[in-house]
Amino acid sequence: QVQLVESGGGLVQAGGSLRLSCAASGRTFSSWTMGWFRQAPGKEREFVAAIVWSDGSTYYSDAVKGRFTISKDNAKNTMYLQINSLKPEDTAVYYCAAKAAVRTPYNYWGQGTQVTVSS
């Protein structure tokens, strides 16, 4: 069983920064893909960024490219999302997710961490 635990959310003013963490446990992740999603109130969950554990390849949605940076620490089995230049529209619950192969659905999810950006 895979467990994903997010942390690092909070209330921040527009223009500020946050770093979200996702600690993974329960198995090895050498070939997995892990990602960040977010869901704003009244909206569907949307893809934010992903990283391939084996080679560090990264992917971003157009909405966050240039402001968000996804990274990982293999030794800690932890994924990060550095969020800079926060905007009120970034307010959402941020979820981390994992899947065993690039072209399969994400099938493991964390409980989410709230990010609120005040204007």
C-alpha atoms as a PDB file:
ATOM      1  CA  GLN A   1       0.000   0.000   0.000  1.00  0.00           C
ATOM      2  CA  VAL A   2       1.204   3.489  -0.847  1.00  0.00           C
ATOM      3  CA  GLN A   3       0.749   6.411   1.502  1.00  0.00           C
ATOM      4  CA  LEU A   4       1.107  10.011   0.400  1.00  0.00           C
ATOM      5  CA  VAL A   5       1.105  12.809   2.943  1.00  0.00           C
ATOM      6  CA  GLU A   6       1.124  16.460   1.892  1.00  0.00           C
ATOM      7  CA  SER A   7       2.241  19.368   4.021  1.00  0.00           C
ATOM      8  CA  GLY A   8       3.249  22.997   3.657  1.00  0.00           C
ATOM      9  CA  GLY A   9      -0.008  24.672   2.774  1.00  0.00           C
ATOM     10  CA  GLY A  10      -1.240  27.816   4.460  1.00  0.00           C
ATOM     11  CA  LEU A  11      -2.435  31.379   4.120  1.00  0.00           C
ATOM     12  CA  VAL A  12      -0.159  33.700   2.189  1.00  0.00           C
ATOM     13  CA  GLN A  13      -0.440  37.130   0.599  1.00  0.00           C
ATOM     14  CA  ALA A  14      -0.422  37.549  -3.146  1.00  0.00           C
ATOM     15  CA  GLY A  15       3.114  37.656  -4.454  1.00  0.00           C
ATOM     16  CA  GLY A  16       4.376  35.375  -1.719  1.00  0.00           C
ATOM     17  CA  SER A  17       5.800  31.865  -1.890  1.00  0.00           C
ATOM     18  CA  LEU A  18       5.139  28.448  -0.428  1.00  0.00           C
ATOM     19  CA  ARG A  19       6.795  25.063  -0.656  1.00  0.00           C
ATOM     20  CA  LEU A  20       4.542  22.042  -0.527  1.00  0.00           C
ATOM     21  CA  SER A  21       5.881  18.611   0.372  1.00  0.00           C
ATOM     22  CA  CYS A  22       4.574  15.138  -0.357  1.00  0.00           C
ATOM     23  CA  ALA A  23       6.108  12.322   1.648  1.00  0.00           C
ATOM     24  CA  ALA A  24       5.636   8.913   0.064  1.00  0.00           C
ATOM     25  CA  SER A  25       5.899   5.568   1.832  1.00  0.00           C
ATOM     26  CA  GLY A  26       4.898   1.981   1.449  1.00  0.00           C
ATOM     27  CA  ARG A  27       7.058   0.926  -1.477  1.00  0.00           C
ATOM     28  CA  THR A  28       9.936   2.024  -3.669  1.00  0.00           C
ATOM     29  CA  PHE A  29       9.224   4.616  -6.314  1.00  0.00           C
ATOM     30  CA  SER A  30      12.182   4.287  -8.645  1.00  0.00           C
ATOM     31  CA  SER A  31      10.048   3.998 -11.783  1.00  0.00           C
ATOM     32  CA  TRP A  32       6.964   5.891 -10.736  1.00  0.00           C
ATOM     33  CA  THR A  33       5.500   9.207 -11.812  1.00  0.00           C
ATOM     34  CA  MET A  34       4.288  11.558  -9.139  1.00  0.00           C
ATOM     35  CA  GLY A  35       2.256  14.664  -9.608  1.00  0.00           C
ATOM     36  CA  TRP A  36       0.506  17.631  -8.071  1.00  0.00           C
ATOM     37  CA  PHE A  37      -3.120  18.504  -8.700  1.00  0.00           C
ATOM     38  CA  ARG A  38      -5.315  21.210  -7.264  1.00  0.00           C
ATOM     39  CA  GLN A  39      -9.009  21.808  -6.805  1.00  0.00           C
ATOM     40  CA  ALA A  40     -10.434  25.257  -6.264  1.00  0.00           C
ATOM     41  CA  PRO A  41     -13.899  25.773  -4.741  1.00  0.00           C
ATOM     42  CA  GLY A  42     -16.591  24.991  -7.278  1.00  0.00           C
ATOM     43  CA  LYS A  43     -14.103  23.780  -9.870  1.00  0.00           C
ATOM     44  CA  GLU A  44     -12.866  20.437 -11.082  1.00  0.00           C
ATOM     45  CA  ARG A  45      -9.528  19.081  -9.993  1.00  0.00           C
ATOM     46  CA  GLU A  46      -6.795  20.110 -12.417  1.00  0.00           C
ATOM     47  CA  PHE A  47      -3.296  18.918 -13.187  1.00  0.00           C
ATOM     48  CA  VAL A  48      -0.492  21.170 -11.976  1.00  0.00           C
ATOM     49  CA  ALA A  49       2.840  19.381 -12.428  1.00  0.00           C
ATOM     50  CA  ALA A  50       4.449  15.951 -12.558  1.00  0.00           C
ATOM     51  CA  ILE A  51       7.875  14.412 -12.181  1.00  0.00           C
ATOM     52  CA  VAL A  52       9.199  11.061 -13.336  1.00  0.00           C
ATOM     53  CA  TRP A  53      11.072   9.503 -10.469  1.00  0.00           C
ATOM     54  CA  SER A  54      13.633   7.614 -12.548  1.00  0.00           C
ATOM     55  CA  ASP A  55      15.028  10.453 -14.647  1.00  0.00           C
ATOM     56  CA  GLY A  56      13.605  13.628 -13.123  1.00  0.00           C
ATOM     57  CA  SER A  57      11.644  14.667 -16.214  1.00  0.00           C
ATOM     58  CA  THR A  58       9.121  17.339 -15.328  1.00  0.00           C
ATOM     59  CA  TYR A  59       5.814  18.497 -16.782  1.00  0.00           C
ATOM     60  CA  TYR A  60       3.730  21.573 -16.007  1.00  0.00           C
ATOM     61  CA  SER A  61       0.348  22.945 -16.875  1.00  0.00           C
ATOM     62  CA  ASP A  62       0.409  26.175 -18.839  1.00  0.00           C
ATOM     63  CA  ALA A  63      -1.297  27.941 -15.927  1.00  0.00           C
ATOM     64  CA  VAL A  64       1.667  27.464 -13.592  1.00  0.00           C
ATOM     65  CA  LYS A  65       4.649  27.225 -15.918  1.00  0.00           C
ATOM     66  CA  GLY A  66       7.343  29.646 -14.855  1.00  0.00           C
ATOM     67  CA  ARG A  67       6.001  30.136 -11.314  1.00  0.00           C
ATOM     68  CA  PHE A  68       5.856  26.577  -9.967  1.00  0.00           C
ATOM     69  CA  THR A  69       8.786  24.176  -9.689  1.00  0.00           C
ATOM     70  CA  ILE A  70       8.419  20.473  -8.981  1.00  0.00           C
ATOM     71  CA  SER A  71      11.342  18.554  -7.519  1.00  0.00           C
ATOM     72  CA  LYS A  72      12.142  15.429  -5.534  1.00  0.00           C
ATOM     73  CA  ASP A  73      14.474  14.047  -2.928  1.00  0.00           C
ATOM     74  CA  ASN A  74      15.109  10.389  -3.679  1.00  0.00           C
ATOM     75  CA  ALA A  75      16.669   9.687  -0.301  1.00  0.00           C
ATOM     76  CA  LYS A  76      13.607  11.015   1.509  1.00  0.00           C
ATOM     77  CA  ASN A  77      11.013   9.683  -0.968  1.00  0.00           C
ATOM     78  CA  THR A  78       9.612  13.190  -0.938  1.00  0.00           C
ATOM     79  CA  MET A  79       8.307  15.390  -3.716  1.00  0.00           C
ATOM     80  CA  TYR A  80       8.121  19.166  -3.512  1.00  0.00           C
ATOM     81  CA  LEU A  81       6.243  21.959  -5.215  1.00  0.00           C
ATOM     82  CA  GLN A  82       7.802  25.395  -4.929  1.00  0.00           C
ATOM     83  CA  ILE A  83       5.169  28.013  -5.633  1.00  0.00           C
ATOM     84  CA  ASN A  84       6.301  31.571  -6.303  1.00  0.00           C
ATOM     85  CA  SER A  85       4.467  34.783  -7.164  1.00  0.00           C
ATOM     86  CA  LEU A  86       1.256  33.405  -5.713  1.00  0.00           C
ATOM     87  CA  LYS A  87      -2.006  34.755  -7.058  1.00  0.00           C
ATOM     88  CA  PRO A  88      -5.484  34.652  -5.516  1.00  0.00           C
ATOM     89  CA  GLU A  89      -6.518  32.250  -8.291  1.00  0.00           C
ATOM     90  CA  ASP A  90      -3.962  29.764  -6.958  1.00  0.00           C
ATOM     91  CA  THR A  91      -6.216  29.269  -3.931  1.00  0.00           C
ATOM     92  CA  ALA A  92      -7.123  25.579  -3.851  1.00  0.00           C
ATOM     93  CA  VAL A  93      -6.605  22.282  -2.107  1.00  0.00           C
ATOM     94  CA  TYR A  94      -3.383  20.823  -3.488  1.00  0.00           C
ATOM     95  CA  TYR A  95      -3.107  17.057  -3.790  1.00  0.00           C
ATOM     96  CA  CYS A  96      -0.170  14.858  -4.545  1.00  0.00           C
ATOM     97  CA  ALA A  97      -0.674  11.684  -6.516  1.00  0.00           C
ATOM     98  CA  ALA A  98       1.329   8.725  -7.761  1.00  0.00           C
ATOM     99  CA  LYS A  99       1.156   6.132 -10.480  1.00  0.00           C
ATOM    100  CA  ALA A 100       3.331   3.210 -11.475  1.00  0.00           C
ATOM    101  CA  ALA A 101       3.732   4.103 -15.150  1.00  0.00           C
ATOM    102  CA  VAL A 102       3.646   7.259 -17.253  1.00  0.00           C
ATOM    103  CA  ARG A 103       0.631   6.302 -19.369  1.00  0.00           C
ATOM    104  CA  THR A 104      -1.616   5.000 -16.589  1.00  0.00           C
ATOM    105  CA  PRO A 105      -4.051   6.916 -14.394  1.00  0.00           C
ATOM    106  CA  TYR A 106      -2.962   8.236 -11.038  1.00  0.00           C
ATOM    107  CA  ASN A 107      -4.243   5.714  -8.535  1.00  0.00           C
ATOM    108  CA  TYR A 108      -2.749   6.876  -5.245  1.00  0.00           C
ATOM    109  CA  TRP A 109      -3.728  10.192  -3.692  1.00  0.00           C
ATOM    110  CA  GLY A 110      -2.878  12.185  -0.614  1.00  0.00           C
ATOM    111  CA  GLN A 111      -5.416  13.903   1.606  1.00  0.00           C
ATOM    112  CA  GLY A 112      -4.616  17.383   0.295  1.00  0.00           C
ATOM    113  CA  THR A 113      -3.250  20.588   1.767  1.00  0.00           C
ATOM    114  CA  GLN A 114      -5.040  23.927   1.616  1.00  0.00           C
ATOM    115  CA  VAL A 115      -3.370  26.916  -0.020  1.00  0.00           C
ATOM    116  CA  THR A 116      -5.140  30.237   0.408  1.00  0.00           C
ATOM    117  CA  VAL A 117      -3.829  33.395  -1.254  1.00  0.00           C
ATOM    118  CA  SER A 118      -5.148  36.728  -0.062  1.00  0.00           C
ATOM    119  CA  SER A 119      -5.189  39.774  -2.297  1.00  0.00           C
END
